All heavy atoms as atom14 arrays in JSON, in Angstrom:
{
  "sequence": "ADLVLSCFGTLSLHERRLTRVGRNRANVEAVRGVDSASVWQEIK",
  "atom14_mask": [
    [1, 1, 1, 1, 1, 0, 0, 0, 0, 0, 0, 0, 0, 0],
    [1, 1, 1, 1, 1, 1, 1, 1, 0, 0, 0, 0, 0, 0],
    [1, 1, 1, 1, 1, 1, 1, 1, 0, 0, 0, 0, 0, 0],
    [1, 1, 1, 1, 1, 1, 1, 0, 0, 0, 0, 0, 0, 0],
    [1, 1, 1, 1, 1, 1, 1, 1, 0, 0, 0, 0, 0, 0],
    [1, 1, 1, 1, 1, 1, 0, 0, 0, 0, 0, 0, 0, 0],
    [1, 1, 1, 1, 1, 1, 0, 0, 0, 0, 0, 0, 0, 0],
    [1, 1, 1, 1, 1, 1, 1, 1, 1, 1, 1, 0, 0, 0],
    [1, 1, 1, 1, 0, 0, 0, 0, 0, 0, 0, 0, 0, 0],
    [1, 1, 1, 1, 1, 1, 1, 0, 0, 0, 0, 0, 0, 0],
    [1, 1, 1, 1, 1, 1, 1, 1, 0, 0, 0, 0, 0, 0],
    [1, 1, 1, 1, 1, 1, 0, 0, 0, 0, 0, 0, 0, 0],
    [1, 1, 1, 1, 1, 1, 1, 1, 0, 0, 0, 0, 0, 0],
    [1, 1, 1, 1, 1, 1, 1, 1, 1, 1, 0, 0, 0, 0],
    [1, 1, 1, 1, 1, 1, 1, 1, 1, 0, 0, 0, 0, 0],
    [1, 1, 1, 1, 1, 1, 1, 1, 1, 1, 1, 0, 0, 0],
    [1, 1, 1, 1, 1, 1, 1, 1, 1, 1, 1, 0, 0, 0],
    [1, 1, 1, 1, 1, 1, 1, 1, 0, 0, 0, 0, 0, 0],
    [1, 1, 1, 1, 1, 1, 1, 0, 0, 0, 0, 0, 0, 0],
    [1, 1, 1, 1, 1, 1, 1, 1, 1, 1, 1, 0, 0, 0],
    [1, 1, 1, 1, 1, 1, 1, 0, 0, 0, 0, 0, 0, 0],
    [1, 1, 1, 1, 0, 0, 0, 0, 0, 0, 0, 0, 0, 0],
    [1, 1, 1, 1, 1, 1, 1, 1, 1, 1, 1, 0, 0, 0],
    [1, 1, 1, 1, 1, 1, 1, 1, 0, 0, 0, 0, 0, 0],
    [1, 1, 1, 1, 1, 1, 1, 1, 1, 1, 1, 0, 0, 0],
    [1, 1, 1, 1, 1, 0, 0, 0, 0, 0, 0, 0, 0, 0],
    [1, 1, 1, 1, 1, 1, 1, 1, 0, 0, 0, 0, 0, 0],
    [1, 1, 1, 1, 1, 1, 1, 0, 0, 0, 0, 0, 0, 0],
    [1, 1, 1, 1, 1, 1, 1, 1, 1, 0, 0, 0, 0, 0],
    [1, 1, 1, 1, 1, 0, 0, 0, 0, 0, 0, 0, 0, 0],
    [1, 1, 1, 1, 1, 1, 1, 0, 0, 0, 0, 0, 0, 0],
    [1, 1, 1, 1, 1, 1, 1, 1, 1, 1, 1, 0, 0, 0],
    [1, 1, 1, 1, 0, 0, 0, 0, 0, 0, 0, 0, 0, 0],
    [1, 1, 1, 1, 1, 1, 1, 0, 0, 0, 0, 0, 0, 0],
    [1, 1, 1, 1, 1, 1, 1, 1, 0, 0, 0, 0, 0, 0],
    [1, 1, 1, 1, 1, 1, 0, 0, 0, 0, 0, 0, 0, 0],
    [1, 1, 1, 1, 1, 0, 0, 0, 0, 0, 0, 0, 0, 0],
    [1, 1, 1, 1, 1, 1, 0, 0, 0, 0, 0, 0, 0, 0],
    [1, 1, 1, 1, 1, 1, 1, 0, 0, 0, 0, 0, 0, 0],
    [1, 1, 1, 1, 1, 1, 1, 1, 1, 1, 1, 1, 1, 1],
    [1, 1, 1, 1, 1, 1, 1, 1, 1, 0, 0, 0, 0, 0],
    [1, 1, 1, 1, 1, 1, 1, 1, 1, 0, 0, 0, 0, 0],
    [1, 1, 1, 1, 1, 1, 1, 1, 0, 0, 0, 0, 0, 0],
    [1, 1, 1, 1, 1, 1, 1, 1, 1, 0, 0, 0, 0, 0]
  ],
  "atom14_positions": [
    [[0.84, -1.2, 0.0], [0.0, 0.0, 0.0], [0.88, 1.25, 0.0], [0.56, 2.23, -0.68], [-0.95, -0.01, 1.19], [0.0, 0.0, 0.0], [0.0, 0.0, 0.0], [0.0, 0.0, 0.0], [0.0, 0.0, 0.0], [0.0, 0.0, 0.0], [0.0, 0.0, 0.0], [0.0, 0.0, 0.0], [0.0, 0.0, 0.0], [0.0, 0.0, 0.0]],
    [[1.98, 1.2, 0.75], [2.89, 2.34, 0.77], [3.53, 2.56, -0.6], [3.72, 3.7, -1.02], [3.97, 2.13, 1.83], [4.87, 3.35, 1.96], [4.33, 4.43, 2.27], [6.09, 3.22, 1.74], [0.0, 0.0, 0.0], [0.0, 0.0, 0.0], [0.0, 0.0, 0.0], [0.0, 0.0, 0.0], [0.0, 0.0, 0.0], [0.0, 0.0, 0.0]],
    [[3.84, 1.48, -1.31], [4.39, 1.62, -2.66], [3.39, 2.29, -3.6], [3.75, 3.17, -4.38], [4.79, 0.25, -3.22], [6.04, -0.39, -2.62], [6.19, -1.82, -3.1], [7.28, 0.43, -2.97], [0.0, 0.0, 0.0], [0.0, 0.0, 0.0], [0.0, 0.0, 0.0], [0.0, 0.0, 0.0], [0.0, 0.0, 0.0], [0.0, 0.0, 0.0]],
    [[2.13, 1.87, -3.52], [1.09, 2.47, -4.36], [0.94, 3.96, -4.0], [0.88, 4.82, -4.88], [-0.26, 1.73, -4.21], [-1.38, 2.46, -4.94], [-0.13, 0.3, -4.73], [0.0, 0.0, 0.0], [0.0, 0.0, 0.0], [0.0, 0.0, 0.0], [0.0, 0.0, 0.0], [0.0, 0.0, 0.0], [0.0, 0.0, 0.0], [0.0, 0.0, 0.0]],
    [[0.88, 4.27, -2.71], [0.75, 5.66, -2.28], [1.95, 6.49, -2.72], [1.8, 7.66, -3.1], [0.57, 5.73, -0.76], [-0.76, 5.2, -0.23], [-0.73, 5.14, 1.29], [-1.91, 6.06, -0.73], [0.0, 0.0, 0.0], [0.0, 0.0, 0.0], [0.0, 0.0, 0.0], [0.0, 0.0, 0.0], [0.0, 0.0, 0.0], [0.0, 0.0, 0.0]],
    [[3.11, 5.9, -2.68], [4.32, 6.59, -3.14], [4.21, 6.92, -4.63], [4.6, 8.01, -5.06], [5.54, 5.72, -2.87], [6.7, 6.33, -3.36], [0.0, 0.0, 0.0], [0.0, 0.0, 0.0], [0.0, 0.0, 0.0], [0.0, 0.0, 0.0], [0.0, 0.0, 0.0], [0.0, 0.0, 0.0], [0.0, 0.0, 0.0], [0.0, 0.0, 0.0]],
    [[3.67, 6.0, -5.4], [3.47, 6.25, -6.83], [2.5, 7.4, -7.05], [2.74, 8.29, -7.89], [2.97, 4.99, -7.53], [4.2, 3.69, -7.7], [0.0, 0.0, 0.0], [0.0, 0.0, 0.0], [0.0, 0.0, 0.0], [0.0, 0.0, 0.0], [0.0, 0.0, 0.0], [0.0, 0.0, 0.0], [0.0, 0.0, 0.0], [0.0, 0.0, 0.0]],
    [[1.41, 7.4, -6.31], [0.45, 8.5, -6.44], [1.1, 9.83, -6.02], [0.84, 10.87, -6.61], [-0.82, 8.23, -5.63], [-1.79, 7.32, -6.34], [-2.06, 6.06, -5.84], [-2.45, 7.73, -7.48], [-2.95, 5.21, -6.47], [-3.34, 6.89, -8.14], [-3.6, 5.62, -7.63], [0.0, 0.0, 0.0], [0.0, 0.0, 0.0], [0.0, 0.0, 0.0]],
    [[1.96, 9.77, -5.02], [2.69, 10.97, -4.61], [3.6, 11.47, -5.73], [3.74, 12.68, -5.94], [0.0, 0.0, 0.0], [0.0, 0.0, 0.0], [0.0, 0.0, 0.0], [0.0, 0.0, 0.0], [0.0, 0.0, 0.0], [0.0, 0.0, 0.0], [0.0, 0.0, 0.0], [0.0, 0.0, 0.0], [0.0, 0.0, 0.0], [0.0, 0.0, 0.0]],
    [[4.22, 10.55, -6.44], [5.08, 10.92, -7.57], [4.26, 11.58, -8.67], [4.7, 12.57, -9.27], [5.82, 9.67, -8.11], [6.58, 9.11, -7.05], [6.71, 10.02, -9.28], [0.0, 0.0, 0.0], [0.0, 0.0, 0.0], [0.0, 0.0, 0.0], [0.0, 0.0, 0.0], [0.0, 0.0, 0.0], [0.0, 0.0, 0.0], [0.0, 0.0, 0.0]],
    [[3.06, 11.05, -8.94], [2.19, 11.68, -9.94], [1.85, 13.11, -9.53], [1.86, 14.03, -10.36], [0.91, 10.86, -10.13], [1.06, 9.48, -10.77], [-0.25, 8.71, -10.69], [1.54, 9.62, -12.21], [0.0, 0.0, 0.0], [0.0, 0.0, 0.0], [0.0, 0.0, 0.0], [0.0, 0.0, 0.0], [0.0, 0.0, 0.0], [0.0, 0.0, 0.0]],
    [[1.56, 13.3, -8.27], [1.26, 14.63, -7.76], [2.46, 15.56, -7.92], [2.33, 16.72, -8.31], [0.84, 14.54, -6.29], [0.61, 15.81, -5.76], [0.0, 0.0, 0.0], [0.0, 0.0, 0.0], [0.0, 0.0, 0.0], [0.0, 0.0, 0.0], [0.0, 0.0, 0.0], [0.0, 0.0, 0.0], [0.0, 0.0, 0.0], [0.0, 0.0, 0.0]],
    [[3.64, 15.03, -7.63], [4.87, 15.81, -7.79], [5.07, 16.23, -9.24], [5.44, 17.37, -9.52], [6.07, 14.99, -7.3], [7.43, 15.64, -7.38], [7.49, 16.86, -6.46], [8.51, 14.64, -7.0], [0.0, 0.0, 0.0], [0.0, 0.0, 0.0], [0.0, 0.0, 0.0], [0.0, 0.0, 0.0], [0.0, 0.0, 0.0], [0.0, 0.0, 0.0]],
    [[4.81, 15.33, -10.17], [4.92, 15.67, -11.6], [4.02, 16.85, -11.94], [4.45, 17.78, -12.63], [4.53, 14.47, -12.47], [5.5, 13.35, -12.45], [5.22, 12.14, -13.02], [6.74, 13.22, -11.92], [6.24, 11.31, -12.86], [7.18, 11.95, -12.18], [0.0, 0.0, 0.0], [0.0, 0.0, 0.0], [0.0, 0.0, 0.0], [0.0, 0.0, 0.0]],
    [[2.79, 16.8, -11.47], [1.84, 17.87, -11.79], [2.22, 19.19, -11.12], [2.08, 20.26, -11.71], [0.42, 17.45, -11.41], [-0.12, 16.29, -12.22], [-0.26, 16.59, -13.7], [-0.63, 17.73, -14.08], [0.01, 15.68, -14.51], [0.0, 0.0, 0.0], [0.0, 0.0, 0.0], [0.0, 0.0, 0.0], [0.0, 0.0, 0.0], [0.0, 0.0, 0.0]],
    [[2.72, 19.13, -9.89], [3.16, 20.36, -9.22], [4.35, 20.98, -9.94], [4.44, 22.2, -10.08], [3.5, 20.08, -7.76], [2.27, 19.85, -6.89], [2.57, 19.94, -5.4], [3.74, 19.2, -4.98], [3.72, 17.98, -4.44], [2.57, 17.37, -4.24], [4.84, 17.37, -4.09], [0.0, 0.0, 0.0], [0.0, 0.0, 0.0], [0.0, 0.0, 0.0]],
    [[5.26, 20.15, -10.41], [6.41, 20.66, -11.15], [5.98, 21.28, -12.48], [6.53, 22.29, -12.9], [7.43, 19.55, -11.38], [8.21, 19.21, -10.14], [9.29, 18.21, -10.43], [10.05, 17.92, -9.23], [10.78, 16.85, -9.06], [10.84, 15.94, -10.02], [11.45, 16.65, -7.94], [0.0, 0.0, 0.0], [0.0, 0.0, 0.0], [0.0, 0.0, 0.0]],
    [[5.0, 20.66, -13.14], [4.47, 21.24, -14.37], [3.9, 22.63, -14.11], [4.1, 23.55, -14.89], [3.38, 20.34, -14.96], [3.85, 19.21, -15.85], [2.67, 18.28, -16.18], [4.49, 19.74, -17.11], [0.0, 0.0, 0.0], [0.0, 0.0, 0.0], [0.0, 0.0, 0.0], [0.0, 0.0, 0.0], [0.0, 0.0, 0.0], [0.0, 0.0, 0.0]],
    [[3.2, 22.76, -13.0], [2.63, 24.06, -12.65], [3.75, 25.07, -12.42], [3.66, 26.23, -12.84], [1.74, 23.93, -11.4], [0.69, 23.02, -11.69], [1.15, 25.26, -10.99], [0.0, 0.0, 0.0], [0.0, 0.0, 0.0], [0.0, 0.0, 0.0], [0.0, 0.0, 0.0], [0.0, 0.0, 0.0], [0.0, 0.0, 0.0], [0.0, 0.0, 0.0]],
    [[4.8, 24.64, -11.77], [5.91, 25.55, -11.45], [6.67, 25.97, -12.71], [7.0, 27.14, -12.86], [6.86, 24.88, -10.46], [7.85, 25.86, -9.88], [8.69, 25.32, -8.75], [8.38, 23.96, -8.38], [9.27, 23.03, -8.11], [10.54, 23.3, -8.14], [8.91, 21.82, -7.78], [0.0, 0.0, 0.0], [0.0, 0.0, 0.0], [0.0, 0.0, 0.0]],
    [[6.97, 25.04, -13.61], [7.77, 25.39, -14.79], [6.92, 25.95, -15.93], [7.45, 26.57, -16.84], [8.6, 24.19, -15.32], [9.57, 23.72, -14.28], [7.72, 23.08, -15.82], [0.0, 0.0, 0.0], [0.0, 0.0, 0.0], [0.0, 0.0, 0.0], [0.0, 0.0, 0.0], [0.0, 0.0, 0.0], [0.0, 0.0, 0.0], [0.0, 0.0, 0.0]],
    [[5.64, 25.73, -15.88], [4.75, 26.26, -16.92], [4.03, 25.15, -17.66], [4.66, 24.23, -18.16], [0.0, 0.0, 0.0], [0.0, 0.0, 0.0], [0.0, 0.0, 0.0], [0.0, 0.0, 0.0], [0.0, 0.0, 0.0], [0.0, 0.0, 0.0], [0.0, 0.0, 0.0], [0.0, 0.0, 0.0], [0.0, 0.0, 0.0], [0.0, 0.0, 0.0]],
    [[2.73, 25.28, -17.68], [1.91, 24.27, -18.35], [1.67, 24.69, -19.8], [0.74, 25.41, -20.08], [0.57, 24.12, -17.64], [0.67, 23.36, -16.35], [-0.72, 23.08, -15.79], [-0.6, 22.36, -14.57], [-0.53, 21.02, -14.51], [-0.66, 20.3, -15.59], [-0.38, 20.42, -13.35], [0.0, 0.0, 0.0], [0.0, 0.0, 0.0], [0.0, 0.0, 0.0]],
    [[2.52, 24.23, -20.66], [2.23, 24.38, -22.08], [2.12, 22.98, -22.67], [2.49, 22.0, -22.02], [3.29, 25.23, -22.78], [4.67, 24.63, -22.67], [4.87, 23.45, -22.97], [5.64, 25.43, -22.22], [0.0, 0.0, 0.0], [0.0, 0.0, 0.0], [0.0, 0.0, 0.0], [0.0, 0.0, 0.0], [0.0, 0.0, 0.0], [0.0, 0.0, 0.0]],
    [[1.61, 22.9, -23.85], [1.33, 21.59, -24.46], [2.58, 20.69, -24.48], [2.52, 19.52, -24.13], [0.76, 21.78, -25.86], [0.3, 20.49, -26.49], [-0.4, 20.74, -27.83], [-1.2, 19.61, -28.17], [-2.45, 19.39, -27.8], [-3.07, 20.27, -27.07], [-3.09, 18.29, -28.15], [0.0, 0.0, 0.0], [0.0, 0.0, 0.0], [0.0, 0.0, 0.0]],
    [[3.71, 21.25, -24.87], [4.93, 20.45, -24.99], [5.37, 19.91, -23.63], [5.72, 18.73, -23.51], [6.05, 21.28, -25.62], [0.0, 0.0, 0.0], [0.0, 0.0, 0.0], [0.0, 0.0, 0.0], [0.0, 0.0, 0.0], [0.0, 0.0, 0.0], [0.0, 0.0, 0.0], [0.0, 0.0, 0.0], [0.0, 0.0, 0.0], [0.0, 0.0, 0.0]],
    [[5.37, 20.76, -22.61], [5.77, 20.31, -21.27], [4.85, 19.22, -20.74], [5.3, 18.21, -20.22], [5.78, 21.48, -20.28], [6.94, 22.41, -20.47], [7.86, 22.13, -21.23], [6.91, 23.54, -19.79], [0.0, 0.0, 0.0], [0.0, 0.0, 0.0], [0.0, 0.0, 0.0], [0.0, 0.0, 0.0], [0.0, 0.0, 0.0], [0.0, 0.0, 0.0]],
    [[3.55, 19.47, -20.86], [2.57, 18.52, -20.32], [2.68, 17.17, -21.05], [2.71, 16.12, -20.41], [1.14, 19.09, -20.41], [0.11, 18.04, -20.03], [1.0, 20.32, -19.52], [0.0, 0.0, 0.0], [0.0, 0.0, 0.0], [0.0, 0.0, 0.0], [0.0, 0.0, 0.0], [0.0, 0.0, 0.0], [0.0, 0.0, 0.0], [0.0, 0.0, 0.0]],
    [[2.75, 17.2, -22.36], [2.86, 15.95, -23.11], [4.15, 15.2, -22.78], [4.16, 13.98, -22.67], [2.76, 16.22, -24.62], [1.36, 16.55, -25.06], [1.26, 16.9, -26.54], [2.3, 17.16, -27.18], [0.12, 16.92, -27.05], [0.0, 0.0, 0.0], [0.0, 0.0, 0.0], [0.0, 0.0, 0.0], [0.0, 0.0, 0.0], [0.0, 0.0, 0.0]],
    [[5.25, 15.94, -22.6], [6.53, 15.29, -22.29], [6.49, 14.61, -20.92], [6.88, 13.45, -20.79], [7.65, 16.32, -22.34], [0.0, 0.0, 0.0], [0.0, 0.0, 0.0], [0.0, 0.0, 0.0], [0.0, 0.0, 0.0], [0.0, 0.0, 0.0], [0.0, 0.0, 0.0], [0.0, 0.0, 0.0], [0.0, 0.0, 0.0], [0.0, 0.0, 0.0]],
    [[6.0, 15.31, -19.92], [5.98, 14.75, -18.57], [4.95, 13.63, -18.45], [5.25, 12.55, -17.95], [5.7, 15.86, -17.53], [5.45, 15.26, -16.16], [6.87, 16.83, -17.47], [0.0, 0.0, 0.0], [0.0, 0.0, 0.0], [0.0, 0.0, 0.0], [0.0, 0.0, 0.0], [0.0, 0.0, 0.0], [0.0, 0.0, 0.0], [0.0, 0.0, 0.0]],
    [[3.75, 13.9, -18.92], [2.71, 12.88, -18.79], [2.96, 11.68, -19.68], [2.7, 10.54, -19.29], [1.34, 13.49, -19.1], [0.84, 14.43, -18.03], [-0.52, 14.96, -18.39], [-1.06, 15.83, -17.35], [-2.2, 16.49, -17.46], [-2.92, 16.36, -18.57], [-2.63, 17.25, -16.49], [0.0, 0.0, 0.0], [0.0, 0.0, 0.0], [0.0, 0.0, 0.0]],
    [[3.43, 11.93, -20.89], [3.62, 10.85, -21.85], [4.73, 9.88, -21.48], [4.69, 8.72, -21.88], [0.0, 0.0, 0.0], [0.0, 0.0, 0.0], [0.0, 0.0, 0.0], [0.0, 0.0, 0.0], [0.0, 0.0, 0.0], [0.0, 0.0, 0.0], [0.0, 0.0, 0.0], [0.0, 0.0, 0.0], [0.0, 0.0, 0.0], [0.0, 0.0, 0.0]],
    [[5.69, 10.34, -20.72], [6.82, 9.47, -20.37], [6.82, 9.18, -18.87], [6.61, 8.05, -18.45], [8.17, 10.12, -20.79], [9.33, 9.24, -20.37], [8.19, 10.37, -22.29], [0.0, 0.0, 0.0], [0.0, 0.0, 0.0], [0.0, 0.0, 0.0], [0.0, 0.0, 0.0], [0.0, 0.0, 0.0], [0.0, 0.0, 0.0], [0.0, 0.0, 0.0]],
    [[7.04, 10.21, -18.08], [7.22, 10.02, -16.63], [5.95, 9.52, -15.95], [5.98, 8.5, -15.26], [7.69, 11.32, -15.98], [9.01, 11.81, -16.54], [9.82, 10.96, -16.94], [9.23, 13.03, -16.59], [0.0, 0.0, 0.0], [0.0, 0.0, 0.0], [0.0, 0.0, 0.0], [0.0, 0.0, 0.0], [0.0, 0.0, 0.0], [0.0, 0.0, 0.0]],
    [[4.86, 10.23, -16.13], [3.62, 9.84, -15.46], [3.08, 8.52, -15.99], [2.56, 7.7, -15.23], [2.56, 10.94, -15.59], [2.98, 12.11, -14.91], [0.0, 0.0, 0.0], [0.0, 0.0, 0.0], [0.0, 0.0, 0.0], [0.0, 0.0, 0.0], [0.0, 0.0, 0.0], [0.0, 0.0, 0.0], [0.0, 0.0, 0.0], [0.0, 0.0, 0.0]],
    [[3.23, 8.29, -17.29], [2.77, 7.02, -17.87], [3.51, 5.83, -17.25], [2.89, 4.8, -16.96], [2.95, 7.04, -19.38], [0.0, 0.0, 0.0], [0.0, 0.0, 0.0], [0.0, 0.0, 0.0], [0.0, 0.0, 0.0], [0.0, 0.0, 0.0], [0.0, 0.0, 0.0], [0.0, 0.0, 0.0], [0.0, 0.0, 0.0], [0.0, 0.0, 0.0]],
    [[4.81, 5.98, -17.02], [5.56, 4.86, -16.43], [5.15, 4.65, -14.96], [5.1, 3.51, -14.49], [7.06, 5.09, -16.54], [7.48, 6.17, -15.74], [0.0, 0.0, 0.0], [0.0, 0.0, 0.0], [0.0, 0.0, 0.0], [0.0, 0.0, 0.0], [0.0, 0.0, 0.0], [0.0, 0.0, 0.0], [0.0, 0.0, 0.0], [0.0, 0.0, 0.0]],
    [[4.83, 5.72, -14.26], [4.36, 5.58, -12.86], [3.01, 4.88, -12.84], [2.78, 4.0, -12.01], [4.29, 6.95, -12.16], [3.67, 6.82, -10.78], [5.68, 7.58, -12.06], [0.0, 0.0, 0.0], [0.0, 0.0, 0.0], [0.0, 0.0, 0.0], [0.0, 0.0, 0.0], [0.0, 0.0, 0.0], [0.0, 0.0, 0.0], [0.0, 0.0, 0.0]],
    [[2.12, 5.25, -13.76], [0.82, 4.57, -13.82], [0.98, 3.09, -14.15], [0.25, 2.25, -13.63], [-0.1, 5.25, -14.84], [-0.95, 6.3, -14.22], [-0.84, 7.65, -14.37], [-2.06, 6.1, -13.34], [-1.8, 8.28, -13.62], [-2.57, 7.36, -12.99], [-2.67, 4.96, -12.79], [-3.65, 7.52, -12.13], [-3.75, 5.12, -11.95], [-4.23, 6.39, -11.64]],
    [[1.94, 2.78, -15.0], [2.18, 1.38, -15.33], [2.63, 0.62, -14.08], [2.21, -0.5, -13.83], [3.23, 1.26, -16.45], [3.28, -0.1, -17.06], [1.94, -0.55, -17.64], [1.24, 0.2, -18.31], [1.57, -1.79, -17.38], [0.0, 0.0, 0.0], [0.0, 0.0, 0.0], [0.0, 0.0, 0.0], [0.0, 0.0, 0.0], [0.0, 0.0, 0.0]],
    [[3.46, 1.27, -13.27], [3.9, 0.66, -12.01], [2.73, 0.46, -11.06], [2.62, -0.58, -10.39], [4.97, 1.54, -11.36], [5.6, 0.91, -10.14], [6.74, 1.74, -9.56], [7.23, 2.66, -10.23], [7.13, 1.45, -8.41], [0.0, 0.0, 0.0], [0.0, 0.0, 0.0], [0.0, 0.0, 0.0], [0.0, 0.0, 0.0], [0.0, 0.0, 0.0]],
    [[1.82, 1.45, -11.0], [0.62, 1.32, -10.15], [-0.2, 0.12, -10.6], [-0.66, -0.69, -9.79], [-0.23, 2.61, -10.18], [0.51, 3.74, -9.46], [-1.6, 2.38, -9.56], [-0.15, 5.1, -9.61], [0.0, 0.0, 0.0], [0.0, 0.0, 0.0], [0.0, 0.0, 0.0], [0.0, 0.0, 0.0], [0.0, 0.0, 0.0], [0.0, 0.0, 0.0]],
    [[-0.38, -0.02, -11.91], [-1.16, -1.14, -12.43], [-0.5, -2.47, -12.09], [-1.18, -3.42, -11.68], [-1.33, -1.01, -13.95], [-2.21, -2.09, -14.55], [-2.37, -1.9, -16.04], [-3.25, -2.98, -16.62], [-3.29, -2.91, -18.09], [0.0, 0.0, 0.0], [0.0, 0.0, 0.0], [0.0, 0.0, 0.0], [0.0, 0.0, 0.0], [0.0, 0.0, 0.0]]
  ]
}
């Protein structure tokens, strides 16, 4: 359960960083398409 929660925390961190650096299409697609997608795969 802690591993799953840690993964969800990582997803939250990705989104907070996107907000900090700027949410434009290229940034969002890069982070979500690679980093967040791999975290979701780990959750699954």
